[in-house]
């Protein structure tokens, strides 16, 4: 079994272990539209752009 020639620092070890405890992305339901979306992100519903339960842009068409 391989052994490291030099000791790894605690910072390097902890950076590697940080990925073990990543939580899944939070999904919530919009109170006005009932649409599922990521928290703190705007979302498109029936051609309109919504954010925090309010219509921000009417007739929103994303540019390709």
PDB file of N, CA and C in Angstrom:
ATOM      1  N   UNK A   1       0.834  -1.180   0.000  1.00  0.00           N
ATOM      2  CA  UNK A   1       0.000   0.000   0.000  1.00  0.00           C
ATOM      3  C   UNK A   1       0.880   1.244   0.000  1.00  0.00           C
ATOM      4  N   UNK A   2       0.501   2.236  -0.768  1.00  0.00           N
ATOM      5  CA  UNK A   2       1.317   3.441  -0.896  1.00  0.00           C
ATOM      6  C   UNK A   2       1.213   4.309   0.354  1.00  0.00           C
ATOM      7  N   UNK A   3       2.343   4.922   0.677  1.00  0.00           N
ATOM      8  CA  UNK A   3       2.392   5.852   1.801  1.00  0.00           C
ATOM      9  C   UNK A   3       2.964   7.174   1.311  1.00  0.00           C
ATOM     10  N   UNK A   4       2.438   8.294   1.834  1.00  0.00           N
ATOM     11  CA  UNK A   4       2.967   9.582   1.394  1.00  0.00           C
ATOM     12  C   UNK A   4       4.401   9.784   1.885  1.00  0.00           C
ATOM     13  N   UNK A   5       5.211  10.389   1.035  1.00  0.00           N
ATOM     14  CA  UNK A   5       6.593  10.652   1.420  1.00  0.00           C
ATOM     15  C   UNK A   5       6.658  11.789   2.434  1.00  0.00           C
ATOM     16  N   UNK A   6       5.777  12.781   2.249  1.00  0.00           N
ATOM     17  CA  UNK A   6       5.720  13.901   3.180  1.00  0.00           C
ATOM     18  C   UNK A   6       4.304  14.040   3.730  1.00  0.00           C
ATOM     19  N   UNK A   7       4.209  14.615   4.898  1.00  0.00           N
ATOM     20  CA  UNK A   7       2.916  14.780   5.563  1.00  0.00           C
ATOM     21  C   UNK A   7       2.080  15.850   4.869  1.00  0.00           C
ATOM     22  N   UNK A   8       0.782  15.583   4.675  1.00  0.00           N
ATOM     23  CA  UNK A   8      -0.137  16.587   4.131  1.00  0.00           C
ATOM     24  C   UNK A   8      -0.613  17.476   5.260  1.00  0.00           C
ATOM     25  N   UNK A   9      -0.787  18.751   4.964  1.00  0.00           N
ATOM     26  CA  UNK A   9      -1.218  19.681   5.990  1.00  0.00           C
ATOM     27  C   UNK A   9      -2.684  19.442   6.369  1.00  0.00           C
ATOM     28  N   UNK A  10      -3.071  19.940   7.521  1.00  0.00           N
ATOM     29  CA  UNK A  10      -4.459  19.777   7.964  1.00  0.00           C
ATOM     30  C   UNK A  10      -5.407  20.552   7.055  1.00  0.00           C
ATOM     31  N   UNK A  11      -4.963  21.678   6.513  1.00  0.00           N
ATOM     32  CA  UNK A  11      -5.800  22.448   5.592  1.00  0.00           C
ATOM     33  C   UNK A  11      -6.093  21.642   4.337  1.00  0.00           C
ATOM     34  N   UNK A  12      -5.073  20.995   3.813  1.00  0.00           N
ATOM     35  CA  UNK A  12      -5.247  20.184   2.608  1.00  0.00           C
ATOM     36  C   UNK A  12      -6.184  19.007   2.882  1.00  0.00           C
ATOM     37  N   UNK A  13      -6.044  18.396   4.036  1.00  0.00           N
ATOM     38  CA  UNK A  13      -6.914  17.292   4.420  1.00  0.00           C
ATOM     39  C   UNK A  13      -8.362  17.756   4.564  1.00  0.00           C
ATOM     40  N   UNK A  14      -8.560  18.901   5.219  1.00  0.00           N
ATOM     41  CA  UNK A  14      -9.910  19.398   5.457  1.00  0.00           C
ATOM     42  C   UNK A  14     -10.593  19.855   4.176  1.00  0.00           C
ATOM     43  N   UNK A  15      -9.826  20.389   3.228  1.00  0.00           N
ATOM     44  CA  UNK A  15     -10.412  20.772   1.939  1.00  0.00           C
ATOM     45  C   UNK A  15     -10.950  19.545   1.214  1.00  0.00           C
ATOM     46  N   UNK A  16     -10.259  18.437   1.319  1.00  0.00           N
ATOM     47  CA  UNK A  16     -10.712  17.202   0.691  1.00  0.00           C
ATOM     48  C   UNK A  16     -11.972  16.683   1.377  1.00  0.00           C
ATOM     49  N   UNK A  17     -12.023  16.754   2.687  1.00  0.00           N
ATOM     50  CA  UNK A  17     -13.156  16.225   3.438  1.00  0.00           C
ATOM     51  C   UNK A  17     -14.401  17.113   3.359  1.00  0.00           C
ATOM     52  N   UNK A  18     -14.242  18.352   2.958  1.00  0.00           N
ATOM     53  CA  UNK A  18     -15.380  19.275   2.897  1.00  0.00           C
ATOM     54  C   UNK A  18     -16.439  18.794   1.914  1.00  0.00           C
ATOM     55  N   UNK A  19     -16.036  18.056   0.876  1.00  0.00           N
ATOM     56  CA  UNK A  19     -16.987  17.592  -0.124  1.00  0.00           C
ATOM     57  C   UNK A  19     -17.897  16.490   0.391  1.00  0.00           C
ATOM     58  N   UNK A  20     -17.550  15.863   1.502  1.00  0.00           N
ATOM     59  CA  UNK A  20     -18.376  14.793   2.042  1.00  0.00           C
ATOM     60  C   UNK A  20     -19.677  15.308   2.642  1.00  0.00           C
ATOM     61  N   UNK A  21     -19.730  16.587   2.998  1.00  0.00           N
ATOM     62  CA  UNK A  21     -20.879  17.116   3.714  1.00  0.00           C
ATOM     63  C   UNK A  21     -21.655  18.153   2.911  1.00  0.00           C
ATOM     64  N   UNK A  22     -21.487  18.151   1.590  1.00  0.00           N
ATOM     65  CA  UNK A  22     -22.230  19.095   0.756  1.00  0.00           C
ATOM     66  C   UNK A  22     -23.694  18.690   0.754  1.00  0.00           C
ATOM     67  N   UNK A  23     -24.565  19.660   1.024  1.00  0.00           N
ATOM     68  CA  UNK A  23     -25.994  19.366   1.059  1.00  0.00           C
ATOM     69  C   UNK A  23     -26.593  19.531  -0.340  1.00  0.00           C
ATOM     70  N   UNK A  24     -27.703  18.852  -0.620  1.00  0.00           N
ATOM     71  CA  UNK A  24     -28.334  19.004  -1.936  1.00  0.00           C
ATOM     72  C   UNK A  24     -28.910  20.401  -2.103  1.00  0.00           C
ATOM     73  N   UNK A  25     -29.108  20.805  -3.356  1.00  0.00           N
ATOM     74  CA  UNK A  25     -29.633  22.129  -3.625  1.00  0.00           C
ATOM     75  C   UNK A  25     -31.070  22.231  -3.128  1.00  0.00           C
ATOM     76  N   UNK A  26     -31.392  23.376  -2.521  1.00  0.00           N
ATOM     77  CA  UNK A  26     -32.720  23.576  -1.948  1.00  0.00           C
ATOM     78  C   UNK A  26     -33.718  23.923  -3.042  1.00  0.00           C
ATOM     79  N   UNK A  27     -34.804  23.176  -3.087  1.00  0.00           N
ATOM     80  CA  UNK A  27     -35.874  23.434  -4.045  1.00  0.00           C
ATOM     81  C   UNK A  27     -37.105  23.867  -3.266  1.00  0.00           C
ATOM     82  N   UNK A  28     -37.797  24.881  -3.770  1.00  0.00           N
ATOM     83  CA  UNK A  28     -38.984  25.387  -3.095  1.00  0.00           C
ATOM     84  C   UNK A  28     -40.118  25.562  -4.095  1.00  0.00           C
ATOM     85  N   UNK A  29     -41.307  25.751  -3.602  1.00  0.00           N
ATOM     86  CA  UNK A  29     -42.488  25.958  -4.430  1.00  0.00           C
ATOM     87  C   UNK A  29     -42.864  27.428  -4.395  1.00  0.00           C
ATOM     88  N   UNK A  30     -43.073  28.022  -5.563  1.00  0.00           N
ATOM     89  CA  UNK A  30     -43.478  29.422  -5.655  1.00  0.00           C
ATOM     90  C   UNK A  30     -44.913  29.556  -5.130  1.00  0.00           C
ATOM     91  N   UNK A  31     -45.173  30.507  -4.224  1.00  0.00           N
ATOM     92  CA  UNK A  31     -46.519  30.617  -3.646  1.00  0.00           C
ATOM     93  C   UNK A  31     -47.594  31.055  -4.649  1.00  0.00           C
ATOM     94  N   UNK A  32     -47.239  31.806  -5.668  1.00  0.00           N
ATOM     95  CA  UNK A  32     -48.246  32.294  -6.607  1.00  0.00           C
ATOM     96  C   UNK A  32     -48.486  31.340  -7.761  1.00  0.00           C
ATOM     97  N   UNK A  33     -47.431  30.709  -8.277  1.00  0.00           N
ATOM     98  CA  UNK A  33     -47.574  29.857  -9.460  1.00  0.00           C
ATOM     99  C   UNK A  33     -47.582  28.376  -9.133  1.00  0.00           C
ATOM    100  N   UNK A  34     -47.040  27.988  -7.977  1.00  0.00           N
ATOM    101  CA  UNK A  34     -46.941  26.583  -7.628  1.00  0.00           C
ATOM    102  C   UNK A  34     -45.807  25.864  -8.338  1.00  0.00           C
ATOM    103  N   UNK A  35     -44.951  26.611  -9.020  1.00  0.00           N
ATOM    104  CA  UNK A  35     -43.841  26.056  -9.773  1.00  0.00           C
ATOM    105  C   UNK A  35     -42.672  25.723  -8.843  1.00  0.00           C
ATOM    106  N   UNK A  36     -42.009  24.584  -9.069  1.00  0.00           N
ATOM    107  CA  UNK A  36     -40.805  24.236  -8.318  1.00  0.00           C
ATOM    108  C   UNK A  36     -39.612  24.968  -8.930  1.00  0.00           C
ATOM    109  N   UNK A  37     -38.745  25.523  -8.086  1.00  0.00           N
ATOM    110  CA  UNK A  37     -37.567  26.239  -8.573  1.00  0.00           C
ATOM    111  C   UNK A  37     -36.499  26.268  -7.492  1.00  0.00           C
ATOM    112  N   UNK A  38     -35.273  26.608  -7.883  1.00  0.00           N
ATOM    113  CA  UNK A  38     -34.177  26.742  -6.929  1.00  0.00           C
ATOM    114  C   UNK A  38     -34.378  27.989  -6.091  1.00  0.00           C
ATOM    115  N   UNK A  39     -33.980  27.920  -4.828  1.00  0.00           N
ATOM    116  CA  UNK A  39     -34.111  29.073  -3.931  1.00  0.00           C
ATOM    117  C   UNK A  39     -33.246  30.226  -4.417  1.00  0.00           C
ATOM    118  N   UNK A  40     -33.717  31.446  -4.254  1.00  0.00           N
ATOM    119  CA  UNK A  40     -32.989  32.674  -4.585  1.00  0.00           C
ATOM    120  C   UNK A  40     -32.641  32.762  -6.066  1.00  0.00           C
ATOM    121  N   UNK A  41     -33.465  32.156  -6.915  1.00  0.00           N
ATOM    122  CA  UNK A  41     -33.280  32.232  -8.362  1.00  0.00           C
ATOM    123  C   UNK A  41     -34.621  32.563  -9.000  1.00  0.00           C
ATOM    124  N   UNK A  42     -34.582  33.324 -10.071  1.00  0.00           N
ATOM    125  CA  UNK A  42     -35.812  33.600 -10.808  1.00  0.00           C
ATOM    126  C   UNK A  42     -36.145  32.388 -11.671  1.00  0.00           C
ATOM    127  N   UNK A  43     -37.415  32.277 -12.062  1.00  0.00           N
ATOM    128  CA  UNK A  43     -37.822  31.153 -12.891  1.00  0.00           C
ATOM    129  C   UNK A  43     -38.908  31.607 -13.863  1.00  0.00           C
ATOM    130  N   UNK A  44     -38.996  30.906 -14.996  1.00  0.00           N
ATOM    131  CA  UNK A  44     -39.965  31.237 -16.041  1.00  0.00           C
ATOM    132  C   UNK A  44     -41.187  30.357 -15.865  1.00  0.00           C
ATOM    133  N   UNK A  45     -42.361  30.981 -15.912  1.00  0.00           N
ATOM    134  CA  UNK A  45     -43.619  30.256 -15.821  1.00  0.00           C
ATOM    135  C   UNK A  45     -44.595  30.878 -16.796  1.00  0.00           C
ATOM    136  N   UNK A  46     -45.031  30.082 -17.772  1.00  0.00           N
ATOM    137  CA  UNK A  46     -45.972  30.532 -18.810  1.00  0.00           C
ATOM    138  C   UNK A  46     -45.489  31.797 -19.516  1.00  0.00           C
ATOM    139  N   UNK A  47     -44.207  31.862 -19.824  1.00  0.00           N
ATOM    140  CA  UNK A  47     -43.653  32.975 -20.579  1.00  0.00           C
ATOM    141  C   UNK A  47     -43.355  34.219 -19.775  1.00  0.00           C
ATOM    142  N   UNK A  48     -43.549  34.194 -18.464  1.00  0.00           N
ATOM    143  CA  UNK A  48     -43.261  35.341 -17.602  1.00  0.00           C
ATOM    144  C   UNK A  48     -42.158  34.967 -16.619  1.00  0.00           C
ATOM    145  N   UNK A  49     -41.360  35.953 -16.238  1.00  0.00           N
ATOM    146  CA  UNK A  49     -40.255  35.730 -15.318  1.00  0.00           C
ATOM    147  C   UNK A  49     -40.693  36.103 -13.907  1.00  0.00           C
ATOM    148  N   UNK A  50     -40.583  35.167 -12.970  1.00  0.00           N
ATOM    149  CA  UNK A  50     -40.997  35.382 -11.592  1.00  0.00           C
ATOM    150  C   UNK A  50     -39.796  35.351 -10.668  1.00  0.00           C
ATOM    151  N   UNK A  51     -39.841  36.184  -9.607  1.00  0.00           N
ATOM    152  CA  UNK A  51     -38.831  36.189  -8.564  1.00  0.00           C
ATOM    153  C   UNK A  51     -39.481  36.618  -7.266  1.00  0.00           C
ATOM    154  N   UNK A  52     -39.290  35.828  -6.214  1.00  0.00           N
ATOM    155  CA  UNK A  52     -39.884  36.073  -4.898  1.00  0.00           C
ATOM    156  C   UNK A  52     -41.403  36.188  -4.969  1.00  0.00           C
ATOM    157  N   UNK A  53     -42.033  35.362  -5.795  1.00  0.00           N
ATOM    158  CA  UNK A  53     -43.482  35.337  -5.874  1.00  0.00           C
ATOM    159  C   UNK A  53     -44.088  36.462  -6.683  1.00  0.00           C
ATOM    160  N   UNK A  54     -43.281  37.292  -7.300  1.00  0.00           N
ATOM    161  CA  UNK A  54     -43.796  38.418  -8.092  1.00  0.00           C
ATOM    162  C   UNK A  54     -43.351  38.284  -9.538  1.00  0.00           C
ATOM    163  N   UNK A  55     -44.194  38.780 -10.450  1.00  0.00           N
ATOM    164  CA  UNK A  55     -43.820  38.791 -11.860  1.00  0.00           C
ATOM    165  C   UNK A  55     -42.859  39.938 -12.089  1.00  0.00           C
ATOM    166  N   UNK A  56     -41.666  39.634 -12.554  1.00  0.00           N
ATOM    167  CA  UNK A  56     -40.641  40.638 -12.762  1.00  0.00           C
ATOM    168  C   UNK A  56     -40.681  41.144 -14.199  1.00  0.00           C
ATOM    169  N   UNK A  57     -40.758  40.217 -15.160  1.00  0.00           N
ATOM    170  CA  UNK A  57     -40.784  40.569 -16.576  1.00  0.00           C
ATOM    171  C   UNK A  57     -41.936  39.826 -17.227  1.00  0.00           C
ATOM    172  N   UNK A  58     -42.827  40.580 -17.855  1.00  0.00           N
ATOM    173  CA  UNK A  58     -43.943  39.971 -18.579  1.00  0.00           C
ATOM    174  C   UNK A  58     -43.523  39.712 -20.023  1.00  0.00           C
ATOM    175  N   UNK A  59     -43.880  38.551 -20.542  1.00  0.00           N
ATOM    176  CA  UNK A  59     -43.496  38.208 -21.904  1.00  0.00           C
ATOM    177  C   UNK A  59     -42.011  37.973 -22.048  1.00  0.00           C
ATOM    178  N   UNK A  60     -41.419  37.313 -21.071  1.00  0.00           N
ATOM    179  CA  UNK A  60     -39.981  37.047 -21.064  1.00  0.00           C
ATOM    180  C   UNK A  60     -39.645  35.945 -22.051  1.00  0.00           C
ATOM    181  N   UNK A  61     -38.705  36.217 -22.928  1.00  0.00           N
ATOM    182  CA  UNK A  61     -38.215  35.215 -23.879  1.00  0.00           C
ATOM    183  C   UNK A  61     -36.698  35.170 -23.775  1.00  0.00           C
ATOM    184  N   UNK A  62     -36.133  34.088 -23.234  1.00  0.00           N
ATOM    185  CA  UNK A  62     -34.674  34.029 -23.108  1.00  0.00           C
ATOM    186  C   UNK A  62     -34.001  34.038 -24.470  1.00  0.00           C
ATOM    187  N   UNK A  63     -32.889  34.753 -24.574  1.00  0.00           N
ATOM    188  CA  UNK A  63     -32.149  34.837 -25.835  1.00  0.00           C
ATOM    189  C   UNK A  63     -31.243  33.625 -25.955  1.00  0.00           C
ATOM    190  N   UNK A  64     -31.214  33.079 -27.153  1.00  0.00           N
ATOM    191  CA  UNK A  64     -30.429  31.854 -27.377  1.00  0.00           C
ATOM    192  C   UNK A  64     -29.083  32.192 -27.953  1.00  0.00           C
TER     193      UNK A  64
END
